[in-house]
Amino acid sequence: MNSPYLRRRLTNALAMVLSTLATLVGLAFLAWILWETLRQGIGALDLKLFTKVTAYGEDGGLLNSMVGSLIINFIGIGIATPIGVLAGTWLAEYANRTRLGESIRFLNDILLSAPSIVMGLFVYTIIVLPSTALTHGSTTFSGFAGGVALALIALPVIVRTTDEMLRLVPSTLREAALSLGVPQWKLTLQILIRAARSGIITGVLLALARISGETAPLLFTAFGNNYMAVNPMDKMSSLPQIIYQYANDPGDAMHALAWAGAFVVTMFVLLLSLASRLILSRNKVSHD
């Protein structure tokens, strides 16, 4: 056995061992997080957690926070999805390999890594303060403002994912369609987006998982509410905000509620991540 072949075999074995160890470490930390949130919050995981509001304190639940989180998150993802998909499509199909496209990708990457509290302060400045002045204080913080802040966080994720998924579509597919006289807009809508649909949906789900645990933007926008609120123009509670509030409370019962809320958020994000992986795996199987 020659020396270069042996060296490649040893390098490959070392890389496999290190990658396996890294995977096991990541899974161990994930299991540890799930176990700790469950262990700390199992005392509050009962029926009242899903049926009572936070106005009752340690005798209450997180119903209004769960409903508020769903409303705010879906407002955010509802705003970010069409804008992000359209922007990503434009980058991939109309501005690819142009200076303008590269500049926008660079700015999108900056927005992707921007602190979430900056988004909250920005929305507080452009929505909360003007609405307070225009309505003479009758409308201040709102679930809609929180949704806009979360939309700004989800938007670069969807733009980046859509752009990357469309650029992965083989160029031969574009050439075949254009050679048959298919217009560019019809090629984009009916062929390319359909081919990259699973990846785009995965990006939307990952963006939703990304914004589900955000706390800082909601402190400046939705603010919180101890009672049930379904009107987006009212102050609205959310699970991350109530977890932050209860974690700072000196009472053990409130700490248990905070841990229970953290477990609910963690499971929601985990289910979204599993759903995105399932969509991708089913798409791969169907094209094999």
Protein backbone atom coordinates (compact mmCIF):
# COMPACT_ATOMS: atom_id res chain seq x y z
CA MET A 1 0.00 0.00 0.00
CA ASN A 2 1.55 3.27 -1.09
CA SER A 3 1.97 6.20 1.26
CA PRO A 4 -0.41 8.74 -0.44
CA TYR A 5 -3.27 6.20 -0.42
CA LEU A 6 -2.71 5.38 3.26
CA ARG A 7 -2.56 9.08 4.14
CA ARG A 8 -5.88 9.71 2.36
CA ARG A 9 -7.50 6.79 4.18
CA LEU A 10 -6.29 8.05 7.55
CA THR A 11 -7.41 11.61 6.76
CA ASN A 12 -10.84 10.36 5.72
CA ALA A 13 -11.19 8.26 8.89
CA LEU A 14 -10.14 11.21 11.07
CA ALA A 15 -12.64 13.50 9.34
CA MET A 16 -15.42 10.94 9.84
CA VAL A 17 -14.59 10.58 13.53
CA LEU A 18 -14.50 14.35 14.11
CA SER A 19 -17.76 14.95 12.21
CA THR A 20 -19.47 12.14 14.13
CA LEU A 21 -18.27 13.59 17.44
CA ALA A 22 -19.50 17.05 16.44
CA THR A 23 -22.93 15.60 15.58
CA LEU A 24 -23.13 13.74 18.88
CA VAL A 25 -22.17 16.88 20.81
CA GLY A 26 -24.88 18.87 19.03
CA LEU A 27 -27.50 16.19 19.70
CA ALA A 28 -26.40 15.97 23.34
CA PHE A 29 -26.89 19.71 23.84
CA LEU A 30 -30.30 19.54 22.12
CA ALA A 31 -31.39 16.68 24.39
CA TRP A 32 -30.04 18.57 27.41
CA ILE A 33 -32.02 21.70 26.51
CA LEU A 34 -35.22 19.73 26.00
CA TRP A 35 -34.72 17.81 29.25
CA GLU A 36 -33.99 20.94 31.30
CA THR A 37 -37.00 22.88 29.97
CA LEU A 38 -39.23 19.87 30.59
CA ARG A 39 -37.82 19.16 34.07
CA GLN A 40 -38.04 22.77 35.22
CA GLY A 41 -41.50 23.41 33.77
CA ILE A 42 -43.23 20.06 34.24
CA GLY A 43 -44.94 21.35 37.37
CA ALA A 44 -46.79 23.97 35.30
CA LEU A 45 -47.58 21.73 32.31
CA ASP A 46 -51.25 21.13 33.02
CA LEU A 47 -54.62 22.01 31.51
CA LYS A 48 -54.77 25.53 32.95
CA LEU A 49 -51.59 26.42 31.06
CA PHE A 50 -53.63 26.22 27.85
CA THR A 51 -56.99 27.48 29.19
CA LYS A 52 -56.24 30.44 31.51
CA VAL A 53 -54.69 33.84 30.88
CA THR A 54 -51.71 35.42 32.60
CA ALA A 55 -53.90 37.89 34.53
CA TYR A 56 -54.30 35.25 37.27
CA GLY A 57 -50.57 35.22 37.98
CA GLU A 58 -49.24 31.95 39.37
CA ASP A 59 -52.75 30.48 39.28
CA GLY A 60 -53.15 31.35 35.61
CA GLY A 61 -51.87 30.02 32.34
CA LEU A 62 -50.39 31.17 29.06
CA LEU A 63 -53.42 31.03 26.76
CA ASN A 64 -53.37 34.72 25.83
CA SER A 65 -49.60 34.58 25.26
CA MET A 66 -49.92 31.56 22.96
CA VAL A 67 -52.71 33.18 20.95
CA GLY A 68 -50.80 36.46 20.82
CA SER A 69 -47.63 34.72 19.63
CA LEU A 70 -49.53 32.96 16.85
CA ILE A 71 -51.17 36.19 15.70
CA ILE A 72 -47.96 38.24 15.79
CA ASN A 73 -45.86 35.51 14.14
CA PHE A 74 -48.33 34.96 11.33
CA ILE A 75 -48.65 38.71 10.74
CA GLY A 76 -44.88 38.84 10.45
CA ILE A 77 -44.57 35.82 8.17
CA GLY A 78 -47.58 36.99 6.13
CA ILE A 79 -45.84 40.30 5.43
CA ALA A 80 -42.37 38.85 4.86
CA THR A 81 -43.26 35.88 2.64
CA PRO A 82 -44.60 37.60 -0.52
CA ILE A 83 -42.01 40.39 -0.34
CA GLY A 84 -39.17 37.95 0.34
CA VAL A 85 -40.16 35.50 -2.40
CA LEU A 86 -40.55 38.29 -4.97
CA ALA A 87 -37.25 39.90 -3.96
CA GLY A 88 -35.41 36.57 -4.03
CA THR A 89 -36.91 35.75 -7.43
CA TRP A 90 -35.80 39.10 -8.83
CA LEU A 91 -32.28 38.59 -7.49
CA ALA A 92 -31.98 35.09 -8.95
CA GLU A 93 -33.61 35.65 -12.34
CA TYR A 94 -33.29 39.32 -13.23
CA ALA A 95 -30.35 40.70 -11.24
CA ASN A 96 -28.09 37.66 -11.18
CA ARG A 97 -24.42 38.47 -11.85
CA THR A 98 -25.05 42.21 -11.82
CA ARG A 99 -23.50 44.81 -9.56
CA LEU A 100 -26.92 45.85 -8.29
CA GLY A 101 -27.81 42.25 -7.44
CA GLU A 102 -24.54 41.67 -5.59
CA SER A 103 -25.01 44.92 -3.66
CA ILE A 104 -28.52 43.92 -2.62
CA ARG A 105 -27.28 40.47 -1.56
CA PHE A 106 -24.61 42.12 0.54
CA LEU A 107 -27.14 44.44 2.19
CA ASN A 108 -29.49 41.49 2.75
CA ASP A 109 -26.70 39.60 4.53
CA ILE A 110 -26.13 42.63 6.78
CA LEU A 111 -29.85 42.71 7.58
CA LEU A 112 -29.74 38.97 8.25
CA SER A 113 -27.16 39.46 11.00
CA ALA A 114 -28.57 42.71 12.41
CA PRO A 115 -29.53 42.59 16.14
CA SER A 116 -33.25 42.04 16.60
CA ILE A 117 -33.50 44.85 19.15
CA VAL A 118 -32.52 47.28 16.38
CA MET A 119 -35.55 46.11 14.38
CA GLY A 120 -37.76 46.69 17.41
CA LEU A 121 -36.46 50.21 17.92
CA PHE A 122 -36.88 50.97 14.22
CA VAL A 123 -40.52 49.85 14.20
CA TYR A 124 -41.09 51.70 17.47
CA THR A 125 -39.90 54.86 15.73
CA ILE A 126 -41.83 54.49 12.47
CA ILE A 127 -45.08 52.90 13.73
CA VAL A 128 -45.59 53.11 17.49
CA LEU A 129 -44.66 56.76 17.98
CA PRO A 130 -46.57 58.08 14.91
CA SER A 131 -49.70 56.03 15.76
CA THR A 132 -49.56 57.38 19.32
CA ALA A 133 -49.37 60.95 18.04
CA LEU A 134 -52.06 60.53 15.38
CA THR A 135 -54.58 58.85 17.70
CA HIS A 136 -53.74 61.01 20.74
CA GLY A 137 -52.66 57.95 22.72
CA SER A 138 -55.61 55.68 21.98
CA THR A 139 -53.40 53.41 19.85
CA THR A 140 -49.83 52.93 21.02
CA PHE A 141 -48.18 49.53 21.17
CA SER A 142 -49.88 46.86 19.08
CA GLY A 143 -49.62 43.33 17.82
CA PHE A 144 -49.41 44.70 14.29
CA ALA A 145 -46.28 46.68 15.17
CA GLY A 146 -44.79 43.52 16.65
CA GLY A 147 -45.64 41.63 13.45
CA VAL A 148 -43.88 44.28 11.35
CA ALA A 149 -40.77 44.00 13.53
CA LEU A 150 -40.76 40.22 13.14
CA ALA A 151 -41.33 40.60 9.39
CA LEU A 152 -38.11 42.62 9.14
CA ILE A 153 -36.28 39.75 10.86
CA ALA A 154 -37.86 37.03 8.68
CA LEU A 155 -37.50 38.93 5.40
CA PRO A 156 -33.73 38.44 4.79
CA VAL A 157 -34.04 34.73 5.60
CA ILE A 158 -36.74 34.25 2.95
CA VAL A 159 -34.92 36.43 0.41
CA ARG A 160 -31.68 34.48 0.85
CA THR A 161 -33.39 31.07 0.71
CA THR A 162 -35.48 31.91 -2.36
CA ASP A 163 -32.45 33.31 -4.16
CA GLU A 164 -30.33 30.25 -3.40
CA MET A 165 -33.06 27.73 -4.26
CA LEU A 166 -33.80 29.33 -7.64
CA ARG A 167 -30.11 29.50 -8.52
CA LEU A 168 -29.88 25.75 -7.83
CA VAL A 169 -32.40 25.02 -10.59
CA PRO A 170 -30.40 23.71 -13.60
CA SER A 171 -29.80 26.29 -16.31
CA THR A 172 -30.74 23.68 -18.94
CA LEU A 173 -34.33 23.94 -17.72
CA ARG A 174 -34.32 27.67 -18.45
CA GLU A 175 -32.70 27.16 -21.84
CA ALA A 176 -35.20 24.48 -22.85
CA ALA A 177 -38.18 26.63 -21.91
CA LEU A 178 -36.82 29.77 -23.60
CA SER A 179 -36.00 27.82 -26.76
CA LEU A 180 -39.67 26.85 -26.98
CA GLY A 181 -40.69 30.49 -26.87
CA VAL A 182 -41.89 30.57 -23.25
CA PRO A 183 -41.91 34.18 -21.93
CA GLN A 184 -39.58 34.98 -19.04
CA TRP A 185 -42.43 35.71 -16.60
CA LYS A 186 -44.16 32.42 -17.39
CA LEU A 187 -40.86 30.55 -17.12
CA THR A 188 -40.29 32.06 -13.68
CA LEU A 189 -43.78 31.55 -12.28
CA GLN A 190 -44.79 28.21 -13.77
CA ILE A 191 -41.50 26.36 -14.06
CA LEU A 192 -38.70 27.74 -11.89
CA ILE A 193 -40.71 28.56 -8.77
CA ARG A 194 -42.50 25.21 -8.99
CA ALA A 195 -39.14 23.45 -9.28
CA ALA A 196 -37.79 25.29 -6.22
CA ARG A 197 -41.09 25.23 -4.30
CA SER A 198 -40.00 22.84 -1.55
CA GLY A 199 -36.86 24.86 -0.81
CA ILE A 200 -38.82 28.12 -0.72
CA ILE A 201 -41.41 26.63 1.66
CA THR A 202 -38.57 25.34 3.83
CA GLY A 203 -37.11 28.85 3.96
CA VAL A 204 -40.47 30.26 5.05
CA LEU A 205 -40.76 27.64 7.81
CA LEU A 206 -37.21 28.33 8.99
CA ALA A 207 -37.97 32.07 9.03
CA LEU A 208 -41.06 31.36 11.13
CA ALA A 209 -38.95 29.29 13.52
CA ARG A 210 -36.41 32.13 13.62
CA ILE A 211 -38.93 34.74 14.74
CA SER A 212 -40.89 32.50 17.14
CA GLY A 213 -38.48 33.05 20.01
CA GLU A 214 -37.76 36.76 19.54
CA THR A 215 -38.29 38.85 22.67
CA ALA A 216 -36.51 42.20 22.31
CA PRO A 217 -38.49 43.53 19.29
CA LEU A 218 -41.81 42.73 20.98
CA LEU A 219 -40.91 44.67 24.14
CA PHE A 220 -40.82 47.86 22.03
CA THR A 221 -43.79 47.06 19.78
CA ALA A 222 -46.44 44.64 21.13
CA PHE A 223 -45.49 45.45 24.76
CA GLY A 224 -47.68 42.77 26.41
CA ASN A 225 -51.18 42.24 27.76
CA ASN A 226 -52.35 40.15 30.72
CA TYR A 227 -55.72 39.55 29.08
CA MET A 228 -56.83 37.94 25.85
CA ALA A 229 -56.40 40.23 22.83
CA VAL A 230 -57.13 39.22 19.24
CA ASN A 231 -57.29 42.69 17.69
CA PRO A 232 -53.89 43.35 16.08
CA MET A 233 -54.18 47.05 16.95
CA ASP A 234 -54.28 46.31 20.70
CA LYS A 235 -51.39 45.59 23.03
CA MET A 236 -50.72 41.88 22.77
CA SER A 237 -48.92 39.33 24.88
CA SER A 238 -46.48 36.78 23.47
CA LEU A 239 -44.71 33.74 24.83
CA PRO A 240 -41.13 35.10 24.59
CA GLN A 241 -42.19 38.33 26.33
CA ILE A 242 -44.01 36.53 29.15
CA ILE A 243 -41.07 34.11 29.58
CA TYR A 244 -38.77 37.11 30.03
CA GLN A 245 -41.20 38.68 32.51
CA TYR A 246 -41.75 35.54 34.58
CA ALA A 247 -38.06 34.61 34.59
CA ASN A 248 -37.35 37.90 36.40
CA ASP A 249 -40.06 37.24 39.00
CA PRO A 250 -38.82 36.07 42.44
CA GLY A 251 -41.57 33.44 42.82
CA ASP A 252 -40.88 29.76 42.06
CA ALA A 253 -44.36 29.27 40.61
CA MET A 254 -43.76 32.02 38.06
CA HIS A 255 -40.40 30.47 37.20
CA ALA A 256 -42.16 27.16 36.50
CA LEU A 257 -44.59 28.95 34.17
CA ALA A 258 -41.64 30.55 32.39
CA TRP A 259 -39.99 27.16 31.92
CA ALA A 260 -43.27 25.68 30.69
CA GLY A 261 -43.57 28.50 28.16
CA ALA A 262 -39.97 27.91 27.07
CA PHE A 263 -40.76 24.23 26.54
CA VAL A 264 -43.79 25.11 24.38
CA VAL A 265 -41.71 27.51 22.25
CA THR A 266 -38.89 24.96 21.92
CA MET A 267 -41.27 22.22 20.79
CA PHE A 268 -42.92 24.59 18.30
CA VAL A 269 -39.55 25.48 16.76
CA LEU A 270 -38.50 21.82 16.75
CA LEU A 271 -41.69 20.78 14.95
CA LEU A 272 -41.19 23.51 12.35
CA SER A 273 -37.62 22.34 11.75
CA LEU A 274 -38.75 18.73 11.39
CA ALA A 275 -41.51 19.80 9.00
CA SER A 276 -38.99 21.65 6.82
CA ARG A 277 -36.73 18.59 6.71
CA LEU A 278 -39.70 16.37 5.84
CA ILE A 279 -40.69 18.64 2.94
CA LEU A 280 -37.14 18.58 1.56
CA SER A 281 -36.79 14.79 1.95
CA ARG A 282 -40.13 14.09 0.25
CA ASN A 283 -39.15 16.34 -2.65
CA LYS A 284 -35.83 14.50 -3.08
CA VAL A 285 -37.55 11.11 -3.08
CA SER A 286 -40.15 12.21 -5.64
CA HIS A 287 -37.42 13.28 -8.11
CA ASP A 288 -35.20 10.22 -7.78
